[in-house]
Amino acid sequence: MKHYLLTATILIAALVFYAAGMTGYGAALFMAGIACECWFWMRILRRHGKTPSPMQTAKR
């Protein structure tokens, strides 16, 4: 459960950074938003090794 909370917090931080960057507080905050969003998507799309990939099942 704490992994979901961390992922949600990362998304919220990205949105806050985007909003601050858009209102004129600088490109650095906007770039921080991009970095947080990339981190968010990496956490969402990461495989935990529990399910084999299609290539692994074809080799069996």
C-alpha atoms as a PDB file:
ATOM      1  CA  MET A   1       0.000   0.000   0.000  1.00  0.00           C
ATOM      2  CA  LYS A   2       2.820   2.413   0.779  1.00  0.00           C
ATOM      3  CA  HIS A   3       4.120   1.974  -2.791  1.00  0.00           C
ATOM      4  CA  TYR A   4       0.820   3.317  -4.117  1.00  0.00           C
ATOM      5  CA  LEU A   5       0.975   6.277  -1.773  1.00  0.00           C
ATOM      6  CA  LEU A   6       4.493   7.124  -2.916  1.00  0.00           C
ATOM      7  CA  THR A   7       3.458   6.849  -6.567  1.00  0.00           C
ATOM      8  CA  ALA A   8       0.453   9.111  -5.982  1.00  0.00           C
ATOM      9  CA  THR A   9       2.657  11.601  -4.133  1.00  0.00           C
ATOM     10  CA  ILE A  10       5.078  11.677  -7.069  1.00  0.00           C
ATOM     11  CA  LEU A  11       2.198  12.431  -9.452  1.00  0.00           C
ATOM     12  CA  ILE A  12       0.904  15.211  -7.206  1.00  0.00           C
ATOM     13  CA  ALA A  13       4.408  16.694  -6.978  1.00  0.00           C
ATOM     14  CA  ALA A  14       4.656  16.626 -10.778  1.00  0.00           C
ATOM     15  CA  LEU A  15       1.361  18.491 -11.092  1.00  0.00           C
ATOM     16  CA  VAL A  16       2.434  21.083  -8.524  1.00  0.00           C
ATOM     17  CA  PHE A  17       5.752  21.618 -10.309  1.00  0.00           C
ATOM     18  CA  TYR A  18       3.961  21.926 -13.655  1.00  0.00           C
ATOM     19  CA  ALA A  19       1.563  24.517 -12.249  1.00  0.00           C
ATOM     20  CA  ALA A  20       4.369  26.520 -10.645  1.00  0.00           C
ATOM     21  CA  GLY A  21       6.403  26.404 -13.839  1.00  0.00           C
ATOM     22  CA  MET A  22       3.463  27.549 -15.955  1.00  0.00           C
ATOM     23  CA  THR A  23       2.651  30.516 -13.721  1.00  0.00           C
ATOM     24  CA  GLY A  24       6.038  32.050 -14.285  1.00  0.00           C
ATOM     25  CA  TYR A  25       8.222  30.642 -11.521  1.00  0.00           C
ATOM     26  CA  GLY A  26      10.696  29.342 -14.025  1.00  0.00           C
ATOM     27  CA  ALA A  27      11.588  26.623 -16.402  1.00  0.00           C
ATOM     28  CA  ALA A  28      13.450  24.738 -13.667  1.00  0.00           C
ATOM     29  CA  LEU A  29      10.183  23.936 -11.868  1.00  0.00           C
ATOM     30  CA  PHE A  30       8.590  22.875 -15.130  1.00  0.00           C
ATOM     31  CA  MET A  31      11.554  20.561 -15.769  1.00  0.00           C
ATOM     32  CA  ALA A  32      11.190  19.182 -12.234  1.00  0.00           C
ATOM     33  CA  GLY A  33       7.585  18.386 -13.139  1.00  0.00           C
ATOM     34  CA  ILE A  34       8.764  16.495 -16.202  1.00  0.00           C
ATOM     35  CA  ALA A  35      11.257  14.547 -14.079  1.00  0.00           C
ATOM     36  CA  CYS A  36       8.585  13.636 -11.515  1.00  0.00           C
ATOM     37  CA  GLU A  37       6.195  12.548 -14.248  1.00  0.00           C
ATOM     38  CA  CYS A  38       8.862  10.316 -15.806  1.00  0.00           C
ATOM     39  CA  TRP A  39       9.543   8.813 -12.388  1.00  0.00           C
ATOM     40  CA  PHE A  40       5.786   8.253 -11.927  1.00  0.00           C
ATOM     41  CA  TRP A  41       5.458   6.418 -15.252  1.00  0.00           C
ATOM     42  CA  MET A  42       8.547   4.315 -14.594  1.00  0.00           C
ATOM     43  CA  ARG A  43       7.012   3.161 -11.302  1.00  0.00           C
ATOM     44  CA  ILE A  44       3.687   2.404 -12.994  1.00  0.00           C
ATOM     45  CA  LEU A  45       5.120   0.496 -15.952  1.00  0.00           C
ATOM     46  CA  ARG A  46       7.879  -1.356 -14.100  1.00  0.00           C
ATOM     47  CA  ARG A  47       7.558  -5.118 -13.985  1.00  0.00           C
ATOM     48  CA  HIS A  48       8.214  -6.832 -10.696  1.00  0.00           C
ATOM     49  CA  GLY A  49       9.315 -10.095 -12.265  1.00  0.00           C
ATOM     50  CA  LYS A  50       6.162 -11.927 -11.201  1.00  0.00           C
ATOM     51  CA  THR A  51       4.877 -12.563 -14.718  1.00  0.00           C
ATOM     52  CA  PRO A  52       7.067 -13.913 -17.493  1.00  0.00           C
ATOM     53  CA  SER A  53       7.363 -11.958 -20.719  1.00  0.00           C
ATOM     54  CA  PRO A  54       5.876 -13.437 -23.914  1.00  0.00           C
ATOM     55  CA  MET A  55       9.389 -14.299 -25.147  1.00  0.00           C
ATOM     56  CA  GLN A  56      10.106 -16.296 -21.993  1.00  0.00           C
ATOM     57  CA  THR A  57       6.896 -18.317 -22.291  1.00  0.00           C
ATOM     58  CA  ALA A  58       7.557 -19.052 -25.998  1.00  0.00           C
ATOM     59  CA  LYS A  59      10.953 -20.601 -25.156  1.00  0.00           C
ATOM     60  CA  ARG A  60       9.470 -23.143 -22.738  1.00  0.00           C
END
